[in-house]
């Protein structure tokens, strides 16, 4: 079972996250991920919400921003594939193309 290759899967089980960190900031960690349908490496971005947002209004603004990124398509902007909120931790996850 190739689910064992990943430490986490998105809700659709299309994207898998590895333990390899490819970037890190104050509120976000970026891991190497894999698109299991297309066979491509992706960047799995994880925003640690509990350290960032303390009010429901802030969480809603973050949701709106993420939804806007989904709709943005331009050759000079990284491709945004999917996003979801982890129901257990409230962390925001999103998958983008990996360079």
Protein backbone atom coordinates (compact mmCIF):
# COMPACT_ATOMS: atom_id res chain seq x y z
CA UNK A 1 0.00 0.00 0.00
CA UNK A 2 1.67 3.24 -1.09
CA UNK A 3 -0.21 5.27 1.55
CA UNK A 4 2.65 4.19 3.86
CA UNK A 5 5.06 6.37 1.85
CA UNK A 6 3.41 9.51 3.24
CA UNK A 7 2.99 10.94 6.72
CA UNK A 8 -0.24 12.67 5.70
CA UNK A 9 -2.77 12.59 2.86
CA UNK A 10 -5.20 15.32 1.82
CA UNK A 11 -8.94 14.60 2.26
CA UNK A 12 -9.26 13.40 -1.36
CA UNK A 13 -6.16 11.18 -0.93
CA UNK A 14 -4.74 12.62 -4.16
CA UNK A 15 -1.81 14.43 -2.48
CA UNK A 16 0.65 12.87 -0.08
CA UNK A 17 3.04 14.73 2.25
CA UNK A 18 6.56 13.54 3.04
CA UNK A 19 8.71 14.55 6.03
CA UNK A 20 11.13 16.48 3.78
CA UNK A 21 10.96 20.19 4.67
CA UNK A 22 11.70 22.38 1.64
CA UNK A 23 10.92 25.72 3.28
CA UNK A 24 10.03 27.26 6.63
CA UNK A 25 8.79 30.59 7.89
CA UNK A 26 7.32 32.04 11.06
CA UNK A 27 3.86 30.57 10.51
CA UNK A 28 4.29 28.16 7.63
CA UNK A 29 6.20 25.01 6.82
CA UNK A 30 6.55 23.69 3.27
CA UNK A 31 7.05 20.00 2.65
CA UNK A 32 7.80 17.95 -0.42
CA UNK A 33 4.59 16.32 -1.53
CA UNK A 34 3.40 14.16 -4.36
CA UNK A 35 0.40 14.32 -6.69
CA UNK A 36 -0.55 10.66 -6.85
CA UNK A 37 -2.80 11.14 -9.92
CA UNK A 38 -0.34 13.06 -12.10
CA UNK A 39 2.87 11.53 -10.73
CA UNK A 40 4.38 14.94 -9.97
CA UNK A 41 6.20 16.45 -7.01
CA UNK A 42 4.28 19.29 -5.35
CA UNK A 43 4.83 21.72 -2.47
CA UNK A 44 2.60 20.94 0.53
CA UNK A 45 2.20 24.16 2.54
CA UNK A 46 1.03 24.00 6.14
CA UNK A 47 0.04 27.14 8.05
CA UNK A 48 0.10 26.57 11.80
CA UNK A 49 -3.09 28.45 12.60
CA UNK A 50 -3.02 28.30 16.41
CA UNK A 51 0.13 30.43 16.42
CA UNK A 52 -1.34 32.94 13.97
CA UNK A 53 -5.07 33.38 14.33
CA UNK A 54 -6.96 34.01 17.52
CA UNK A 55 -10.37 35.16 16.33
CA UNK A 56 -12.94 33.67 13.98
CA UNK A 57 -12.83 36.82 11.80
CA UNK A 58 -9.12 36.27 11.16
CA UNK A 59 -9.77 32.65 10.21
CA UNK A 60 -12.50 33.74 7.79
CA UNK A 61 -10.16 36.30 6.16
CA UNK A 62 -7.58 33.55 5.69
CA UNK A 63 -10.21 31.31 4.06
CA UNK A 64 -11.16 34.12 1.65
CA UNK A 65 -7.49 34.71 0.73
CA UNK A 66 -6.95 31.00 0.04
CA UNK A 67 -10.10 30.87 -2.10
CA UNK A 68 -8.87 33.87 -4.11
CA UNK A 69 -5.53 32.14 -4.72
CA UNK A 70 -7.39 29.16 -6.18
CA UNK A 71 -8.91 31.42 -8.83
CA UNK A 72 -5.68 33.21 -9.77
CA UNK A 73 -4.14 31.96 -13.01
CA UNK A 74 -1.12 33.75 -14.47
CA UNK A 75 2.12 32.54 -16.05
CA UNK A 76 4.21 34.45 -13.46
CA UNK A 77 2.33 33.15 -10.42
CA UNK A 78 2.88 29.72 -8.90
CA UNK A 79 0.03 27.28 -9.61
CA UNK A 80 -2.31 26.61 -6.71
CA UNK A 81 -3.87 23.14 -6.77
CA UNK A 82 -5.92 22.53 -3.63
CA UNK A 83 -6.53 23.59 -0.03
CA UNK A 84 -8.30 22.36 3.08
CA UNK A 85 -8.42 22.88 6.82
CA UNK A 86 -7.30 20.07 9.08
CA UNK A 87 -10.34 19.42 11.28
CA UNK A 88 -8.24 18.20 14.22
CA UNK A 89 -5.66 21.00 14.37
CA UNK A 90 -7.40 23.79 12.38
CA UNK A 91 -4.15 24.13 10.39
CA UNK A 92 -4.58 25.37 6.82
CA UNK A 93 -2.98 23.17 4.16
CA UNK A 94 -2.56 24.04 0.52
CA UNK A 95 -0.78 22.39 -2.39
CA UNK A 96 1.11 24.32 -5.05
CA UNK A 97 3.43 23.47 -7.88
CA UNK A 98 7.02 22.67 -6.91
CA UNK A 99 10.02 24.18 -8.74
